[in-house]
Amino acid sequence: PSPEHAENVPVVFPSNLPVSHRCDPGCCADLASYEEQMRDAQLRAALLNLQTHLHMKSQLLTYQTANVKAQGMVVKSQSVLRRNQQQIDLDTAKYQDTWQAMKNLRGKDSVGWRQLKPKDVRRMDGGEDKAVGIQCKRLGKKKMAVLQAEAKNNTANGGHSSSNDSDEGDKSDENQKSVQTKLKKARGAVGEGRRHVSWIW
């Protein structure tokens, strides 16, 4: 029979083997500890690369919004953004695969690194972290003052509607609920000075 080529022989790490096979003759002595050191370095590098590419995405989006106008420039910028997103996806997959290998080696409670979930992969200034100030700017200071005044008036005069004008009372109740809902969303949003960014930062 023809000899097997070295490049066709699969490389099996201790993390891919059951615990019972990680000792002689399944593995060389201390091979699992060597893999732990390698995986630790891989996790650190993957997280750093992920942060770098997310920063790049923020800069690319800012540049695209401010400077990209013509159709040709838009197409080129979209190509660059797709390439950047591919790099982010690769960094994410590398971290997740390496974290799984480390979990197989040490156990889930002793990995030493946090598990990376899809919701954690976001920019520091991503849409998930929009502050209440943005909403206030959209509504405008005068509009917010009017809404607050209407809410106070409706709350103070609630229940005193005339029985002869039930339609207007129903509309007033609906307006009151709408105003209170908008204010509740504004209060529940994250403030300008407090942003809940992902743990990767």
Protein backbone atom coordinates (compact mmCIF):
# COMPACT_ATOMS: atom_id res chain seq x y z
CA PRO A 1 0.00 0.00 0.00
CA SER A 2 1.11 3.54 -0.72
CA PRO A 3 2.36 5.48 2.32
CA GLU A 4 -0.04 8.01 3.80
CA HIS A 5 0.95 11.62 3.27
CA ALA A 6 1.56 13.68 6.38
CA GLU A 7 -0.76 16.47 5.19
CA ASN A 8 -3.64 13.98 5.10
CA VAL A 9 -3.22 12.90 8.72
CA PRO A 10 -5.71 14.76 10.94
CA VAL A 11 -4.28 16.66 13.90
CA VAL A 12 -6.29 15.87 17.02
CA PHE A 13 -5.90 18.13 20.05
CA PRO A 14 -6.49 16.94 23.61
CA SER A 15 -9.63 19.10 23.72
CA ASN A 16 -11.10 16.90 20.98
CA LEU A 17 -10.57 13.73 22.99
CA PRO A 18 -12.53 12.34 25.93
CA VAL A 19 -10.94 12.90 29.31
CA SER A 20 -10.11 9.21 29.61
CA HIS A 21 -7.97 9.38 26.44
CA ARG A 22 -5.90 12.41 27.43
CA CYS A 23 -3.28 10.36 29.23
CA ASP A 24 -0.78 7.79 27.97
CA PRO A 25 -0.93 6.29 25.42
CA GLY A 26 -3.57 8.68 24.03
CA CYS A 27 -1.56 11.88 24.64
CA CYS A 28 1.96 12.80 25.49
CA ALA A 29 2.59 14.09 28.98
CA ASP A 30 1.65 17.75 29.56
CA LEU A 31 0.21 18.06 26.06
CA ALA A 32 -3.12 19.28 27.46
CA SER A 33 -1.38 22.06 29.42
CA TYR A 34 0.43 23.15 26.26
CA GLU A 35 -2.88 23.38 24.45
CA GLU A 36 -4.33 25.46 27.30
CA GLN A 37 -1.55 28.01 26.83
CA MET A 38 -2.13 28.07 23.08
CA ARG A 39 -5.91 28.46 23.48
CA ASP A 40 -5.45 31.25 26.00
CA ALA A 41 -3.30 33.15 23.50
CA GLN A 42 -5.84 32.49 20.74
CA LEU A 43 -8.68 33.87 22.85
CA ARG A 44 -6.72 37.02 23.64
CA ALA A 45 -5.76 37.55 20.00
CA ALA A 46 -9.28 36.88 18.69
CA LEU A 47 -10.82 39.35 21.14
CA LEU A 48 -8.25 42.02 20.26
CA ASN A 49 -8.83 41.52 16.53
CA LEU A 50 -12.59 41.67 17.07
CA GLN A 51 -12.28 45.00 18.90
CA THR A 52 -10.03 46.36 16.14
CA HIS A 53 -12.42 45.39 13.35
CA LEU A 54 -15.41 46.79 15.24
CA HIS A 55 -13.55 50.10 15.63
CA MET A 56 -12.84 49.99 11.91
CA LYS A 57 -16.54 49.45 11.22
CA SER A 58 -17.44 52.54 13.24
CA GLN A 59 -14.92 54.63 11.32
CA LEU A 60 -16.07 53.25 7.97
CA LEU A 61 -19.71 54.00 8.72
CA THR A 62 -18.83 57.53 9.84
CA TYR A 63 -16.80 58.14 6.69
CA GLN A 64 -19.53 56.67 4.48
CA THR A 65 -22.18 58.92 6.01
CA ALA A 66 -20.09 62.08 5.74
CA ASN A 67 -18.22 61.67 2.47
CA VAL A 68 -19.65 58.95 0.21
CA LYS A 69 -22.09 60.46 -2.28
CA ALA A 70 -21.66 59.19 -5.86
CA GLN A 71 -22.93 55.76 -6.90
CA GLY A 72 -19.45 54.45 -7.66
CA MET A 73 -18.18 55.49 -4.24
CA VAL A 74 -21.20 53.91 -2.59
CA VAL A 75 -20.54 50.57 -4.31
CA LYS A 76 -16.88 50.63 -3.29
CA SER A 77 -17.71 51.55 0.29
CA GLN A 78 -20.25 48.71 0.49
CA SER A 79 -17.56 46.31 -0.70
CA VAL A 80 -15.19 47.52 2.02
CA LEU A 81 -17.94 47.18 4.65
CA ARG A 82 -18.71 43.62 3.53
CA ARG A 83 -15.03 42.73 3.83
CA ASN A 84 -14.93 44.26 7.28
CA GLN A 85 -18.02 42.30 8.33
CA GLN A 86 -16.41 39.07 7.11
CA GLN A 87 -13.42 39.80 9.33
CA ILE A 88 -15.73 40.42 12.29
CA ASP A 89 -17.52 37.13 11.64
CA LEU A 90 -14.21 35.26 11.41
CA ASP A 91 -12.97 36.78 14.67
CA THR A 92 -16.24 35.84 16.36
CA ALA A 93 -16.12 32.26 15.08
CA LYS A 94 -12.47 31.91 16.14
CA TYR A 95 -13.22 33.12 19.65
CA GLN A 96 -16.26 30.86 20.02
CA ASP A 97 -14.44 27.76 18.73
CA THR A 98 -11.44 28.43 20.95
CA TRP A 99 -13.68 29.05 23.97
CA GLN A 100 -15.38 25.70 23.35
CA ALA A 101 -11.99 23.96 23.21
CA MET A 102 -10.94 25.64 26.46
CA LYS A 103 -14.19 24.54 28.08
CA ASN A 104 -13.48 20.95 27.05
CA LEU A 105 -10.06 21.20 28.67
CA ARG A 106 -10.87 23.00 31.91
CA GLY A 107 -14.61 22.63 32.38
CA LYS A 108 -17.31 25.26 31.95
CA ASP A 109 -16.74 26.89 35.35
CA SER A 110 -12.96 27.19 34.94
CA VAL A 111 -12.54 28.57 31.43
CA GLY A 112 -11.35 31.96 32.65
CA TRP A 113 -12.92 33.76 29.68
CA ARG A 114 -16.49 34.85 29.11
CA GLN A 115 -18.59 33.15 26.48
CA LEU A 116 -19.15 35.32 23.41
CA LYS A 117 -22.77 35.45 22.28
CA PRO A 118 -24.10 37.05 19.06
CA LYS A 119 -25.68 39.92 21.03
CA ASP A 120 -22.26 40.76 22.52
CA VAL A 121 -20.69 41.45 19.13
CA ARG A 122 -21.53 45.11 18.64
CA ARG A 123 -19.78 48.42 18.29
CA MET A 124 -19.13 50.63 21.26
CA ASP A 125 -21.42 53.24 19.71
CA GLY A 126 -23.80 50.70 18.19
CA GLY A 127 -27.54 51.14 17.79
CA GLU A 128 -28.18 48.93 20.80
CA ASP A 129 -26.61 51.58 23.04
CA LYS A 130 -28.46 54.69 21.82
CA ALA A 131 -28.93 57.23 24.55
CA VAL A 132 -32.05 59.06 25.58
CA GLY A 133 -30.45 62.29 24.38
CA ILE A 134 -30.94 61.21 20.78
CA GLN A 135 -34.65 60.77 21.36
CA CYS A 136 -34.86 64.13 23.13
CA LYS A 137 -33.14 65.83 20.20
CA ARG A 138 -35.58 64.26 17.77
CA LEU A 139 -38.60 65.38 19.71
CA GLY A 140 -37.13 68.78 20.45
CA LYS A 141 -37.08 70.60 23.76
CA LYS A 142 -40.33 72.43 23.08
CA LYS A 143 -42.11 69.24 22.07
CA MET A 144 -40.93 67.46 25.20
CA ALA A 145 -42.13 70.38 27.34
CA VAL A 146 -45.54 70.25 25.65
CA LEU A 147 -45.81 66.50 26.20
CA GLN A 148 -44.90 66.83 29.86
CA ALA A 149 -47.41 69.67 30.34
CA GLU A 150 -50.14 67.66 28.62
CA ALA A 151 -49.38 64.66 30.78
CA LYS A 152 -49.64 66.75 33.96
CA ASN A 153 -52.89 68.40 32.87
CA ASN A 154 -54.46 65.14 31.81
CA THR A 155 -53.45 63.50 35.07
CA ALA A 156 -54.83 66.40 37.14
CA ASN A 157 -58.11 66.59 35.20
CA GLY A 158 -58.57 62.86 34.70
CA GLY A 159 -62.03 61.58 35.61
CA HIS A 160 -63.71 65.05 35.30
CA SER A 161 -64.87 64.68 31.69
CA SER A 162 -68.41 65.70 30.93
CA SER A 163 -70.83 62.86 30.44
CA ASN A 164 -72.33 64.77 27.49
CA ASP A 165 -69.10 64.61 25.54
CA SER A 166 -67.91 61.01 25.83
CA ASP A 167 -66.12 61.05 22.46
CA GLU A 168 -63.84 63.89 23.51
CA GLY A 169 -63.19 62.10 26.78
CA ASP A 170 -62.15 58.94 24.94
CA LYS A 171 -59.79 60.92 22.71
CA SER A 172 -58.34 62.65 25.75
CA ASP A 173 -57.70 59.28 27.41
CA GLU A 174 -56.00 57.99 24.27
CA ASN A 175 -53.82 61.09 24.05
CA GLN A 176 -52.92 60.75 27.70
CA LYS A 177 -51.90 57.13 27.26
CA SER A 178 -49.86 58.03 24.17
CA VAL A 179 -48.05 60.82 26.01
CA GLN A 180 -47.35 58.64 29.02
CA THR A 181 -46.05 55.85 26.79
CA LYS A 182 -43.62 58.21 25.04
CA LEU A 183 -42.38 59.62 28.33
CA LYS A 184 -41.99 56.13 29.78
CA LYS A 185 -39.86 55.05 26.82
CA ALA A 186 -37.72 58.17 27.16
CA ARG A 187 -37.17 57.61 30.89
CA GLY A 188 -36.37 53.94 30.34
CA ALA A 189 -33.71 54.64 27.73
CA VAL A 190 -30.01 54.86 28.50
CA GLY A 191 -28.76 58.33 29.44
CA GLU A 192 -26.03 60.23 27.62
CA GLY A 193 -23.62 59.70 30.49
CA ARG A 194 -24.46 56.01 30.96
CA ARG A 195 -24.16 53.52 28.12
CA HIS A 196 -24.45 49.78 28.61
CA VAL A 197 -21.76 48.65 26.19
CA SER A 198 -20.87 45.04 25.51
CA TRP A 199 -18.52 43.26 27.91
CA ILE A 200 -15.91 42.89 25.13
CA TRP A 201 -14.95 46.54 25.67
